[in-house]
Amino acid sequence: IRTAARNLLQVHAPVVQEHVKRHL
């Protein structure tokens, strides 16, 4: 489950980074 979560977080990293940036 940890491996699956990490892999999906890598896939979605650009979305996370954009949200963090946009919402300061």
PDBML (XML) file of the C-alpha atoms, coordinates in Angstrom:
<?xml version="1.0" encoding="UTF-8" ?>
<PDBx:datablock datablockName="MODEL"
   xmlns:PDBx="http://pdbml.pdb.org/schema/pdbx-v50.xsd"
   xmlns:xsi="http://www.w3.org/2001/XMLSchema-instance"
   xsi:schemaLocation="http://pdbml.pdb.org/schema/pdbx-v50.xsd pdbx-v50.xsd">
   <PDBx:atom_siteCategory>
      <PDBx:atom_site id="1">
         <PDBx:B_iso_or_equiv>0.00</PDBx:B_iso_or_equiv>
         <PDBx:Cartn_x>0.000</PDBx:Cartn_x>
         <PDBx:Cartn_y>0.000</PDBx:Cartn_y>
         <PDBx:Cartn_z>0.000</PDBx:Cartn_z>
         <PDBx:auth_asym_id>A</PDBx:auth_asym_id>
         <PDBx:auth_atom_id>CA</PDBx:auth_atom_id>
         <PDBx:auth_comp_id>ILE</PDBx:auth_comp_id>
         <PDBx:auth_seq_id>1</PDBx:auth_seq_id>
         <PDBx:group_PDB>ATOM</PDBx:group_PDB>
         <PDBx:label_alt_id xsi:nil="true" />
         <PDBx:label_asym_id>A</PDBx:label_asym_id>
         <PDBx:label_atom_id>CA</PDBx:label_atom_id>
         <PDBx:label_comp_id>ILE</PDBx:label_comp_id>
         <PDBx:label_entity_id>1</PDBx:label_entity_id>
         <PDBx:label_seq_id>1</PDBx:label_seq_id>
         <PDBx:occupancy>1.00</PDBx:occupancy>
         <PDBx:pdbx_PDB_model_num>1</PDBx:pdbx_PDB_model_num>
         <PDBx:type_symbol>C</PDBx:type_symbol>
      </PDBx:atom_site>
      <PDBx:atom_site id="2">
         <PDBx:B_iso_or_equiv>0.00</PDBx:B_iso_or_equiv>
         <PDBx:Cartn_x>2.863</PDBx:Cartn_x>
         <PDBx:Cartn_y>2.423</PDBx:Cartn_y>
         <PDBx:Cartn_z>0.766</PDBx:Cartn_z>
         <PDBx:auth_asym_id>A</PDBx:auth_asym_id>
         <PDBx:auth_atom_id>CA</PDBx:auth_atom_id>
         <PDBx:auth_comp_id>ARG</PDBx:auth_comp_id>
         <PDBx:auth_seq_id>2</PDBx:auth_seq_id>
         <PDBx:group_PDB>ATOM</PDBx:group_PDB>
         <PDBx:label_alt_id xsi:nil="true" />
         <PDBx:label_asym_id>A</PDBx:label_asym_id>
         <PDBx:label_atom_id>CA</PDBx:label_atom_id>
         <PDBx:label_comp_id>ARG</PDBx:label_comp_id>
         <PDBx:label_entity_id>1</PDBx:label_entity_id>
         <PDBx:label_seq_id>2</PDBx:label_seq_id>
         <PDBx:occupancy>1.00</PDBx:occupancy>
         <PDBx:pdbx_PDB_model_num>1</PDBx:pdbx_PDB_model_num>
         <PDBx:type_symbol>C</PDBx:type_symbol>
      </PDBx:atom_site>
      <PDBx:atom_site id="3">
         <PDBx:B_iso_or_equiv>0.00</PDBx:B_iso_or_equiv>
         <PDBx:Cartn_x>4.468</PDBx:Cartn_x>
         <PDBx:Cartn_y>1.632</PDBx:Cartn_y>
         <PDBx:Cartn_z>-2.590</PDBx:Cartn_z>
         <PDBx:auth_asym_id>A</PDBx:auth_asym_id>
         <PDBx:auth_atom_id>CA</PDBx:auth_atom_id>
         <PDBx:auth_comp_id>THR</PDBx:auth_comp_id>
         <PDBx:auth_seq_id>3</PDBx:auth_seq_id>
         <PDBx:group_PDB>ATOM</PDBx:group_PDB>
         <PDBx:label_alt_id xsi:nil="true" />
         <PDBx:label_asym_id>A</PDBx:label_asym_id>
         <PDBx:label_atom_id>CA</PDBx:label_atom_id>
         <PDBx:label_comp_id>THR</PDBx:label_comp_id>
         <PDBx:label_entity_id>1</PDBx:label_entity_id>
         <PDBx:label_seq_id>3</PDBx:label_seq_id>
         <PDBx:occupancy>1.00</PDBx:occupancy>
         <PDBx:pdbx_PDB_model_num>1</PDBx:pdbx_PDB_model_num>
         <PDBx:type_symbol>C</PDBx:type_symbol>
      </PDBx:atom_site>
      <PDBx:atom_site id="4">
         <PDBx:B_iso_or_equiv>0.00</PDBx:B_iso_or_equiv>
         <PDBx:Cartn_x>1.181</PDBx:Cartn_x>
         <PDBx:Cartn_y>2.123</PDBx:Cartn_y>
         <PDBx:Cartn_z>-4.420</PDBx:Cartn_z>
         <PDBx:auth_asym_id>A</PDBx:auth_asym_id>
         <PDBx:auth_atom_id>CA</PDBx:auth_atom_id>
         <PDBx:auth_comp_id>ALA</PDBx:auth_comp_id>
         <PDBx:auth_seq_id>4</PDBx:auth_seq_id>
         <PDBx:group_PDB>ATOM</PDBx:group_PDB>
         <PDBx:label_alt_id xsi:nil="true" />
         <PDBx:label_asym_id>A</PDBx:label_asym_id>
         <PDBx:label_atom_id>CA</PDBx:label_atom_id>
         <PDBx:label_comp_id>ALA</PDBx:label_comp_id>
         <PDBx:label_entity_id>1</PDBx:label_entity_id>
         <PDBx:label_seq_id>4</PDBx:label_seq_id>
         <PDBx:occupancy>1.00</PDBx:occupancy>
         <PDBx:pdbx_PDB_model_num>1</PDBx:pdbx_PDB_model_num>
         <PDBx:type_symbol>C</PDBx:type_symbol>
      </PDBx:atom_site>
      <PDBx:atom_site id="5">
         <PDBx:B_iso_or_equiv>0.00</PDBx:B_iso_or_equiv>
         <PDBx:Cartn_x>0.591</PDBx:Cartn_x>
         <PDBx:Cartn_y>5.447</PDBx:Cartn_y>
         <PDBx:Cartn_z>-2.638</PDBx:Cartn_z>
         <PDBx:auth_asym_id>A</PDBx:auth_asym_id>
         <PDBx:auth_atom_id>CA</PDBx:auth_atom_id>
         <PDBx:auth_comp_id>ALA</PDBx:auth_comp_id>
         <PDBx:auth_seq_id>5</PDBx:auth_seq_id>
         <PDBx:group_PDB>ATOM</PDBx:group_PDB>
         <PDBx:label_alt_id xsi:nil="true" />
         <PDBx:label_asym_id>A</PDBx:label_asym_id>
         <PDBx:label_atom_id>CA</PDBx:label_atom_id>
         <PDBx:label_comp_id>ALA</PDBx:label_comp_id>
         <PDBx:label_entity_id>1</PDBx:label_entity_id>
         <PDBx:label_seq_id>5</PDBx:label_seq_id>
         <PDBx:occupancy>1.00</PDBx:occupancy>
         <PDBx:pdbx_PDB_model_num>1</PDBx:pdbx_PDB_model_num>
         <PDBx:type_symbol>C</PDBx:type_symbol>
      </PDBx:atom_site>
      <PDBx:atom_site id="6">
         <PDBx:B_iso_or_equiv>0.00</PDBx:B_iso_or_equiv>
         <PDBx:Cartn_x>4.113</PDBx:Cartn_x>
         <PDBx:Cartn_y>6.698</PDBx:Cartn_y>
         <PDBx:Cartn_z>-3.402</PDBx:Cartn_z>
         <PDBx:auth_asym_id>A</PDBx:auth_asym_id>
         <PDBx:auth_atom_id>CA</PDBx:auth_atom_id>
         <PDBx:auth_comp_id>ARG</PDBx:auth_comp_id>
         <PDBx:auth_seq_id>6</PDBx:auth_seq_id>
         <PDBx:group_PDB>ATOM</PDBx:group_PDB>
         <PDBx:label_alt_id xsi:nil="true" />
         <PDBx:label_asym_id>A</PDBx:label_asym_id>
         <PDBx:label_atom_id>CA</PDBx:label_atom_id>
         <PDBx:label_comp_id>ARG</PDBx:label_comp_id>
         <PDBx:label_entity_id>1</PDBx:label_entity_id>
         <PDBx:label_seq_id>6</PDBx:label_seq_id>
         <PDBx:occupancy>1.00</PDBx:occupancy>
         <PDBx:pdbx_PDB_model_num>1</PDBx:pdbx_PDB_model_num>
         <PDBx:type_symbol>C</PDBx:type_symbol>
      </PDBx:atom_site>
      <PDBx:atom_site id="7">
         <PDBx:B_iso_or_equiv>0.00</PDBx:B_iso_or_equiv>
         <PDBx:Cartn_x>3.783</PDBx:Cartn_x>
         <PDBx:Cartn_y>5.742</PDBx:Cartn_y>
         <PDBx:Cartn_z>-7.064</PDBx:Cartn_z>
         <PDBx:auth_asym_id>A</PDBx:auth_asym_id>
         <PDBx:auth_atom_id>CA</PDBx:auth_atom_id>
         <PDBx:auth_comp_id>ASN</PDBx:auth_comp_id>
         <PDBx:auth_seq_id>7</PDBx:auth_seq_id>
         <PDBx:group_PDB>ATOM</PDBx:group_PDB>
         <PDBx:label_alt_id xsi:nil="true" />
         <PDBx:label_asym_id>A</PDBx:label_asym_id>
         <PDBx:label_atom_id>CA</PDBx:label_atom_id>
         <PDBx:label_comp_id>ASN</PDBx:label_comp_id>
         <PDBx:label_entity_id>1</PDBx:label_entity_id>
         <PDBx:label_seq_id>7</PDBx:label_seq_id>
         <PDBx:occupancy>1.00</PDBx:occupancy>
         <PDBx:pdbx_PDB_model_num>1</PDBx:pdbx_PDB_model_num>
         <PDBx:type_symbol>C</PDBx:type_symbol>
      </PDBx:atom_site>
      <PDBx:atom_site id="8">
         <PDBx:B_iso_or_equiv>0.00</PDBx:B_iso_or_equiv>
         <PDBx:Cartn_x>0.468</PDBx:Cartn_x>
         <PDBx:Cartn_y>7.564</PDBx:Cartn_y>
         <PDBx:Cartn_z>-7.384</PDBx:Cartn_z>
         <PDBx:auth_asym_id>A</PDBx:auth_asym_id>
         <PDBx:auth_atom_id>CA</PDBx:auth_atom_id>
         <PDBx:auth_comp_id>LEU</PDBx:auth_comp_id>
         <PDBx:auth_seq_id>8</PDBx:auth_seq_id>
         <PDBx:group_PDB>ATOM</PDBx:group_PDB>
         <PDBx:label_alt_id xsi:nil="true" />
         <PDBx:label_asym_id>A</PDBx:label_asym_id>
         <PDBx:label_atom_id>CA</PDBx:label_atom_id>
         <PDBx:label_comp_id>LEU</PDBx:label_comp_id>
         <PDBx:label_entity_id>1</PDBx:label_entity_id>
         <PDBx:label_seq_id>8</PDBx:label_seq_id>
         <PDBx:occupancy>1.00</PDBx:occupancy>
         <PDBx:pdbx_PDB_model_num>1</PDBx:pdbx_PDB_model_num>
         <PDBx:type_symbol>C</PDBx:type_symbol>
      </PDBx:atom_site>
      <PDBx:atom_site id="9">
         <PDBx:B_iso_or_equiv>0.00</PDBx:B_iso_or_equiv>
         <PDBx:Cartn_x>1.851</PDBx:Cartn_x>
         <PDBx:Cartn_y>10.604</PDBx:Cartn_y>
         <PDBx:Cartn_z>-5.565</PDBx:Cartn_z>
         <PDBx:auth_asym_id>A</PDBx:auth_asym_id>
         <PDBx:auth_atom_id>CA</PDBx:auth_atom_id>
         <PDBx:auth_comp_id>LEU</PDBx:auth_comp_id>
         <PDBx:auth_seq_id>9</PDBx:auth_seq_id>
         <PDBx:group_PDB>ATOM</PDBx:group_PDB>
         <PDBx:label_alt_id xsi:nil="true" />
         <PDBx:label_asym_id>A</PDBx:label_asym_id>
         <PDBx:label_atom_id>CA</PDBx:label_atom_id>
         <PDBx:label_comp_id>LEU</PDBx:label_comp_id>
         <PDBx:label_entity_id>1</PDBx:label_entity_id>
         <PDBx:label_seq_id>9</PDBx:label_seq_id>
         <PDBx:occupancy>1.00</PDBx:occupancy>
         <PDBx:pdbx_PDB_model_num>1</PDBx:pdbx_PDB_model_num>
         <PDBx:type_symbol>C</PDBx:type_symbol>
      </PDBx:atom_site>
      <PDBx:atom_site id="10">
         <PDBx:B_iso_or_equiv>0.00</PDBx:B_iso_or_equiv>
         <PDBx:Cartn_x>4.695</PDBx:Cartn_x>
         <PDBx:Cartn_y>10.707</PDBx:Cartn_y>
         <PDBx:Cartn_z>-8.104</PDBx:Cartn_z>
         <PDBx:auth_asym_id>A</PDBx:auth_asym_id>
         <PDBx:auth_atom_id>CA</PDBx:auth_atom_id>
         <PDBx:auth_comp_id>GLN</PDBx:auth_comp_id>
         <PDBx:auth_seq_id>10</PDBx:auth_seq_id>
         <PDBx:group_PDB>ATOM</PDBx:group_PDB>
         <PDBx:label_alt_id xsi:nil="true" />
         <PDBx:label_asym_id>A</PDBx:label_asym_id>
         <PDBx:label_atom_id>CA</PDBx:label_atom_id>
         <PDBx:label_comp_id>GLN</PDBx:label_comp_id>
         <PDBx:label_entity_id>1</PDBx:label_entity_id>
         <PDBx:label_seq_id>10</PDBx:label_seq_id>
         <PDBx:occupancy>1.00</PDBx:occupancy>
         <PDBx:pdbx_PDB_model_num>1</PDBx:pdbx_PDB_model_num>
         <PDBx:type_symbol>C</PDBx:type_symbol>
      </PDBx:atom_site>
      <PDBx:atom_site id="11">
         <PDBx:B_iso_or_equiv>0.00</PDBx:B_iso_or_equiv>
         <PDBx:Cartn_x>2.181</PDBx:Cartn_x>
         <PDBx:Cartn_y>10.599</PDBx:Cartn_y>
         <PDBx:Cartn_z>-10.939</PDBx:Cartn_z>
         <PDBx:auth_asym_id>A</PDBx:auth_asym_id>
         <PDBx:auth_atom_id>CA</PDBx:auth_atom_id>
         <PDBx:auth_comp_id>VAL</PDBx:auth_comp_id>
         <PDBx:auth_seq_id>11</PDBx:auth_seq_id>
         <PDBx:group_PDB>ATOM</PDBx:group_PDB>
         <PDBx:label_alt_id xsi:nil="true" />
         <PDBx:label_asym_id>A</PDBx:label_asym_id>
         <PDBx:label_atom_id>CA</PDBx:label_atom_id>
         <PDBx:label_comp_id>VAL</PDBx:label_comp_id>
         <PDBx:label_entity_id>1</PDBx:label_entity_id>
         <PDBx:label_seq_id>11</PDBx:label_seq_id>
         <PDBx:occupancy>1.00</PDBx:occupancy>
         <PDBx:pdbx_PDB_model_num>1</PDBx:pdbx_PDB_model_num>
         <PDBx:type_symbol>C</PDBx:type_symbol>
      </PDBx:atom_site>
      <PDBx:atom_site id="12">
         <PDBx:B_iso_or_equiv>0.00</PDBx:B_iso_or_equiv>
         <PDBx:Cartn_x>0.183</PDBx:Cartn_x>
         <PDBx:Cartn_y>13.441</PDBx:Cartn_y>
         <PDBx:Cartn_z>-9.404</PDBx:Cartn_z>
         <PDBx:auth_asym_id>A</PDBx:auth_asym_id>
         <PDBx:auth_atom_id>CA</PDBx:auth_atom_id>
         <PDBx:auth_comp_id>HIS</PDBx:auth_comp_id>
         <PDBx:auth_seq_id>12</PDBx:auth_seq_id>
         <PDBx:group_PDB>ATOM</PDBx:group_PDB>
         <PDBx:label_alt_id xsi:nil="true" />
         <PDBx:label_asym_id>A</PDBx:label_asym_id>
         <PDBx:label_atom_id>CA</PDBx:label_atom_id>
         <PDBx:label_comp_id>HIS</PDBx:label_comp_id>
         <PDBx:label_entity_id>1</PDBx:label_entity_id>
         <PDBx:label_seq_id>12</PDBx:label_seq_id>
         <PDBx:occupancy>1.00</PDBx:occupancy>
         <PDBx:pdbx_PDB_model_num>1</PDBx:pdbx_PDB_model_num>
         <PDBx:type_symbol>C</PDBx:type_symbol>
      </PDBx:atom_site>
      <PDBx:atom_site id="13">
         <PDBx:B_iso_or_equiv>0.00</PDBx:B_iso_or_equiv>
         <PDBx:Cartn_x>3.166</PDBx:Cartn_x>
         <PDBx:Cartn_y>15.490</PDBx:Cartn_y>
         <PDBx:Cartn_z>-8.146</PDBx:Cartn_z>
         <PDBx:auth_asym_id>A</PDBx:auth_asym_id>
         <PDBx:auth_atom_id>CA</PDBx:auth_atom_id>
         <PDBx:auth_comp_id>ALA</PDBx:auth_comp_id>
         <PDBx:auth_seq_id>13</PDBx:auth_seq_id>
         <PDBx:group_PDB>ATOM</PDBx:group_PDB>
         <PDBx:label_alt_id xsi:nil="true" />
         <PDBx:label_asym_id>A</PDBx:label_asym_id>
         <PDBx:label_atom_id>CA</PDBx:label_atom_id>
         <PDBx:label_comp_id>ALA</PDBx:label_comp_id>
         <PDBx:label_entity_id>1</PDBx:label_entity_id>
         <PDBx:label_seq_id>13</PDBx:label_seq_id>
         <PDBx:occupancy>1.00</PDBx:occupancy>
         <PDBx:pdbx_PDB_model_num>1</PDBx:pdbx_PDB_model_num>
         <PDBx:type_symbol>C</PDBx:type_symbol>
      </PDBx:atom_site>
      <PDBx:atom_site id="14">
         <PDBx:B_iso_or_equiv>0.00</PDBx:B_iso_or_equiv>
         <PDBx:Cartn_x>2.596</PDBx:Cartn_x>
         <PDBx:Cartn_y>18.308</PDBx:Cartn_y>
         <PDBx:Cartn_z>-10.676</PDBx:Cartn_z>
         <PDBx:auth_asym_id>A</PDBx:auth_asym_id>
         <PDBx:auth_atom_id>CA</PDBx:auth_atom_id>
         <PDBx:auth_comp_id>PRO</PDBx:auth_comp_id>
         <PDBx:auth_seq_id>14</PDBx:auth_seq_id>
         <PDBx:group_PDB>ATOM</PDBx:group_PDB>
         <PDBx:label_alt_id xsi:nil="true" />
         <PDBx:label_asym_id>A</PDBx:label_asym_id>
         <PDBx:label_atom_id>CA</PDBx:label_atom_id>
         <PDBx:label_comp_id>PRO</PDBx:label_comp_id>
         <PDBx:label_entity_id>1</PDBx:label_entity_id>
         <PDBx:label_seq_id>14</PDBx:label_seq_id>
         <PDBx:occupancy>1.00</PDBx:occupancy>
         <PDBx:pdbx_PDB_model_num>1</PDBx:pdbx_PDB_model_num>
         <PDBx:type_symbol>C</PDBx:type_symbol>
      </PDBx:atom_site>
      <PDBx:atom_site id="15">
         <PDBx:B_iso_or_equiv>0.00</PDBx:B_iso_or_equiv>
         <PDBx:Cartn_x>-0.973</PDBx:Cartn_x>
         <PDBx:Cartn_y>18.746</PDBx:Cartn_y>
         <PDBx:Cartn_z>-9.391</PDBx:Cartn_z>
         <PDBx:auth_asym_id>A</PDBx:auth_asym_id>
         <PDBx:auth_atom_id>CA</PDBx:auth_atom_id>
         <PDBx:auth_comp_id>VAL</PDBx:auth_comp_id>
         <PDBx:auth_seq_id>15</PDBx:auth_seq_id>
         <PDBx:group_PDB>ATOM</PDBx:group_PDB>
         <PDBx:label_alt_id xsi:nil="true" />
         <PDBx:label_asym_id>A</PDBx:label_asym_id>
         <PDBx:label_atom_id>CA</PDBx:label_atom_id>
         <PDBx:label_comp_id>VAL</PDBx:label_comp_id>
         <PDBx:label_entity_id>1</PDBx:label_entity_id>
         <PDBx:label_seq_id>15</PDBx:label_seq_id>
         <PDBx:occupancy>1.00</PDBx:occupancy>
         <PDBx:pdbx_PDB_model_num>1</PDBx:pdbx_PDB_model_num>
         <PDBx:type_symbol>C</PDBx:type_symbol>
      </PDBx:atom_site>
      <PDBx:atom_site id="16">
         <PDBx:B_iso_or_equiv>0.00</PDBx:B_iso_or_equiv>
         <PDBx:Cartn_x>0.217</PDBx:Cartn_x>
         <PDBx:Cartn_y>18.859</PDBx:Cartn_y>
         <PDBx:Cartn_z>-5.774</PDBx:Cartn_z>
         <PDBx:auth_asym_id>A</PDBx:auth_asym_id>
         <PDBx:auth_atom_id>CA</PDBx:auth_atom_id>
         <PDBx:auth_comp_id>VAL</PDBx:auth_comp_id>
         <PDBx:auth_seq_id>16</PDBx:auth_seq_id>
         <PDBx:group_PDB>ATOM</PDBx:group_PDB>
         <PDBx:label_alt_id xsi:nil="true" />
         <PDBx:label_asym_id>A</PDBx:label_asym_id>
         <PDBx:label_atom_id>CA</PDBx:label_atom_id>
         <PDBx:label_comp_id>VAL</PDBx:label_comp_id>
         <PDBx:label_entity_id>1</PDBx:label_entity_id>
         <PDBx:label_seq_id>16</PDBx:label_seq_id>
         <PDBx:occupancy>1.00</PDBx:occupancy>
         <PDBx:pdbx_PDB_model_num>1</PDBx:pdbx_PDB_model_num>
         <PDBx:type_symbol>C</PDBx:type_symbol>
      </PDBx:atom_site>
      <PDBx:atom_site id="17">
         <PDBx:B_iso_or_equiv>0.00</PDBx:B_iso_or_equiv>
         <PDBx:Cartn_x>2.978</PDBx:Cartn_x>
         <PDBx:Cartn_y>21.349</PDBx:Cartn_y>
         <PDBx:Cartn_z>-6.591</PDBx:Cartn_z>
         <PDBx:auth_asym_id>A</PDBx:auth_asym_id>
         <PDBx:auth_atom_id>CA</PDBx:auth_atom_id>
         <PDBx:auth_comp_id>GLN</PDBx:auth_comp_id>
         <PDBx:auth_seq_id>17</PDBx:auth_seq_id>
         <PDBx:group_PDB>ATOM</PDBx:group_PDB>
         <PDBx:label_alt_id xsi:nil="true" />
         <PDBx:label_asym_id>A</PDBx:label_asym_id>
         <PDBx:label_atom_id>CA</PDBx:label_atom_id>
         <PDBx:label_comp_id>GLN</PDBx:label_comp_id>
         <PDBx:label_entity_id>1</PDBx:label_entity_id>
         <PDBx:label_seq_id>17</PDBx:label_seq_id>
         <PDBx:occupancy>1.00</PDBx:occupancy>
         <PDBx:pdbx_PDB_model_num>1</PDBx:pdbx_PDB_model_num>
         <PDBx:type_symbol>C</PDBx:type_symbol>
      </PDBx:atom_site>
      <PDBx:atom_site id="18">
         <PDBx:B_iso_or_equiv>0.00</PDBx:B_iso_or_equiv>
         <PDBx:Cartn_x>0.611</PDBx:Cartn_x>
         <PDBx:Cartn_y>23.601</PDBx:Cartn_y>
         <PDBx:Cartn_z>-8.527</PDBx:Cartn_z>
         <PDBx:auth_asym_id>A</PDBx:auth_asym_id>
         <PDBx:auth_atom_id>CA</PDBx:auth_atom_id>
         <PDBx:auth_comp_id>GLU</PDBx:auth_comp_id>
         <PDBx:auth_seq_id>18</PDBx:auth_seq_id>
         <PDBx:group_PDB>ATOM</PDBx:group_PDB>
         <PDBx:label_alt_id xsi:nil="true" />
         <PDBx:label_asym_id>A</PDBx:label_asym_id>
         <PDBx:label_atom_id>CA</PDBx:label_atom_id>
         <PDBx:label_comp_id>GLU</PDBx:label_comp_id>
         <PDBx:label_entity_id>1</PDBx:label_entity_id>
         <PDBx:label_seq_id>18</PDBx:label_seq_id>
         <PDBx:occupancy>1.00</PDBx:occupancy>
         <PDBx:pdbx_PDB_model_num>1</PDBx:pdbx_PDB_model_num>
         <PDBx:type_symbol>C</PDBx:type_symbol>
      </PDBx:atom_site>
      <PDBx:atom_site id="19">
         <PDBx:B_iso_or_equiv>0.00</PDBx:B_iso_or_equiv>
         <PDBx:Cartn_x>-1.940</PDBx:Cartn_x>
         <PDBx:Cartn_y>23.596</PDBx:Cartn_y>
         <PDBx:Cartn_z>-5.703</PDBx:Cartn_z>
         <PDBx:auth_asym_id>A</PDBx:auth_asym_id>
         <PDBx:auth_atom_id>CA</PDBx:auth_atom_id>
         <PDBx:auth_comp_id>HIS</PDBx:auth_comp_id>
         <PDBx:auth_seq_id>19</PDBx:auth_seq_id>
         <PDBx:group_PDB>ATOM</PDBx:group_PDB>
         <PDBx:label_alt_id xsi:nil="true" />
         <PDBx:label_asym_id>A</PDBx:label_asym_id>
         <PDBx:label_atom_id>CA</PDBx:label_atom_id>
         <PDBx:label_comp_id>HIS</PDBx:label_comp_id>
         <PDBx:label_entity_id>1</PDBx:label_entity_id>
         <PDBx:label_seq_id>19</PDBx:label_seq_id>
         <PDBx:occupancy>1.00</PDBx:occupancy>
         <PDBx:pdbx_PDB_model_num>1</PDBx:pdbx_PDB_model_num>
         <PDBx:type_symbol>C</PDBx:type_symbol>
      </PDBx:atom_site>
      <PDBx:atom_site id="20">
         <PDBx:B_iso_or_equiv>0.00</PDBx:B_iso_or_equiv>
         <PDBx:Cartn_x>0.733</PDBx:Cartn_x>
         <PDBx:Cartn_y>24.379</PDBx:Cartn_y>
         <PDBx:Cartn_z>-3.114</PDBx:Cartn_z>
         <PDBx:auth_asym_id>A</PDBx:auth_asym_id>
         <PDBx:auth_atom_id>CA</PDBx:auth_atom_id>
         <PDBx:auth_comp_id>VAL</PDBx:auth_comp_id>
         <PDBx:auth_seq_id>20</PDBx:auth_seq_id>
         <PDBx:group_PDB>ATOM</PDBx:group_PDB>
         <PDBx:label_alt_id xsi:nil="true" />
         <PDBx:label_asym_id>A</PDBx:label_asym_id>
         <PDBx:label_atom_id>CA</PDBx:label_atom_id>
         <PDBx:label_comp_id>VAL</PDBx:label_comp_id>
         <PDBx:label_entity_id>1</PDBx:label_entity_id>
         <PDBx:label_seq_id>20</PDBx:label_seq_id>
         <PDBx:occupancy>1.00</PDBx:occupancy>
         <PDBx:pdbx_PDB_model_num>1</PDBx:pdbx_PDB_model_num>
         <PDBx:type_symbol>C</PDBx:type_symbol>
      </PDBx:atom_site>
      <PDBx:atom_site id="21">
         <PDBx:B_iso_or_equiv>0.00</PDBx:B_iso_or_equiv>
         <PDBx:Cartn_x>2.044</PDBx:Cartn_x>
         <PDBx:Cartn_y>27.226</PDBx:Cartn_y>
         <PDBx:Cartn_z>-5.265</PDBx:Cartn_z>
         <PDBx:auth_asym_id>A</PDBx:auth_asym_id>
         <PDBx:auth_atom_id>CA</PDBx:auth_atom_id>
         <PDBx:auth_comp_id>LYS</PDBx:auth_comp_id>
         <PDBx:auth_seq_id>21</PDBx:auth_seq_id>
         <PDBx:group_PDB>ATOM</PDBx:group_PDB>
         <PDBx:label_alt_id xsi:nil="true" />
         <PDBx:label_asym_id>A</PDBx:label_asym_id>
         <PDBx:label_atom_id>CA</PDBx:label_atom_id>
         <PDBx:label_comp_id>LYS</PDBx:label_comp_id>
         <PDBx:label_entity_id>1</PDBx:label_entity_id>
         <PDBx:label_seq_id>21</PDBx:label_seq_id>
         <PDBx:occupancy>1.00</PDBx:occupancy>
         <PDBx:pdbx_PDB_model_num>1</PDBx:pdbx_PDB_model_num>
         <PDBx:type_symbol>C</PDBx:type_symbol>
      </PDBx:atom_site>
      <PDBx:atom_site id="22">
         <PDBx:B_iso_or_equiv>0.00</PDBx:B_iso_or_equiv>
         <PDBx:Cartn_x>-1.384</PDBx:Cartn_x>
         <PDBx:Cartn_y>28.634</PDBx:Cartn_y>
         <PDBx:Cartn_z>-6.175</PDBx:Cartn_z>
         <PDBx:auth_asym_id>A</PDBx:auth_asym_id>
         <PDBx:auth_atom_id>CA</PDBx:auth_atom_id>
         <PDBx:auth_comp_id>ARG</PDBx:auth_comp_id>
         <PDBx:auth_seq_id>22</PDBx:auth_seq_id>
         <PDBx:group_PDB>ATOM</PDBx:group_PDB>
         <PDBx:label_alt_id xsi:nil="true" />
         <PDBx:label_asym_id>A</PDBx:label_asym_id>
         <PDBx:label_atom_id>CA</PDBx:label_atom_id>
         <PDBx:label_comp_id>ARG</PDBx:label_comp_id>
         <PDBx:label_entity_id>1</PDBx:label_entity_id>
         <PDBx:label_seq_id>22</PDBx:label_seq_id>
         <PDBx:occupancy>1.00</PDBx:occupancy>
         <PDBx:pdbx_PDB_model_num>1</PDBx:pdbx_PDB_model_num>
         <PDBx:type_symbol>C</PDBx:type_symbol>
      </PDBx:atom_site>
      <PDBx:atom_site id="23">
         <PDBx:B_iso_or_equiv>0.00</PDBx:B_iso_or_equiv>
         <PDBx:Cartn_x>-2.645</PDBx:Cartn_x>
         <PDBx:Cartn_y>28.540</PDBx:Cartn_y>
         <PDBx:Cartn_z>-2.577</PDBx:Cartn_z>
         <PDBx:auth_asym_id>A</PDBx:auth_asym_id>
         <PDBx:auth_atom_id>CA</PDBx:auth_atom_id>
         <PDBx:auth_comp_id>HIS</PDBx:auth_comp_id>
         <PDBx:auth_seq_id>23</PDBx:auth_seq_id>
         <PDBx:group_PDB>ATOM</PDBx:group_PDB>
         <PDBx:label_alt_id xsi:nil="true" />
         <PDBx:label_asym_id>A</PDBx:label_asym_id>
         <PDBx:label_atom_id>CA</PDBx:label_atom_id>
         <PDBx:label_comp_id>HIS</PDBx:label_comp_id>
         <PDBx:label_entity_id>1</PDBx:label_entity_id>
         <PDBx:label_seq_id>23</PDBx:label_seq_id>
         <PDBx:occupancy>1.00</PDBx:occupancy>
         <PDBx:pdbx_PDB_model_num>1</PDBx:pdbx_PDB_model_num>
         <PDBx:type_symbol>C</PDBx:type_symbol>
      </PDBx:atom_site>
      <PDBx:atom_site id="24">
         <PDBx:B_iso_or_equiv>0.00</PDBx:B_iso_or_equiv>
         <PDBx:Cartn_x>0.626</PDBx:Cartn_x>
         <PDBx:Cartn_y>29.725</PDBx:Cartn_y>
         <PDBx:Cartn_z>-1.016</PDBx:Cartn_z>
         <PDBx:auth_asym_id>A</PDBx:auth_asym_id>
         <PDBx:auth_atom_id>CA</PDBx:auth_atom_id>
         <PDBx:auth_comp_id>LEU</PDBx:auth_comp_id>
         <PDBx:auth_seq_id>24</PDBx:auth_seq_id>
         <PDBx:group_PDB>ATOM</PDBx:group_PDB>
         <PDBx:label_alt_id xsi:nil="true" />
         <PDBx:label_asym_id>A</PDBx:label_asym_id>
         <PDBx:label_atom_id>CA</PDBx:label_atom_id>
         <PDBx:label_comp_id>LEU</PDBx:label_comp_id>
         <PDBx:label_entity_id>1</PDBx:label_entity_id>
         <PDBx:label_seq_id>24</PDBx:label_seq_id>
         <PDBx:occupancy>1.00</PDBx:occupancy>
         <PDBx:pdbx_PDB_model_num>1</PDBx:pdbx_PDB_model_num>
         <PDBx:type_symbol>C</PDBx:type_symbol>
      </PDBx:atom_site>
   </PDBx:atom_siteCategory>
</PDBx:datablock>
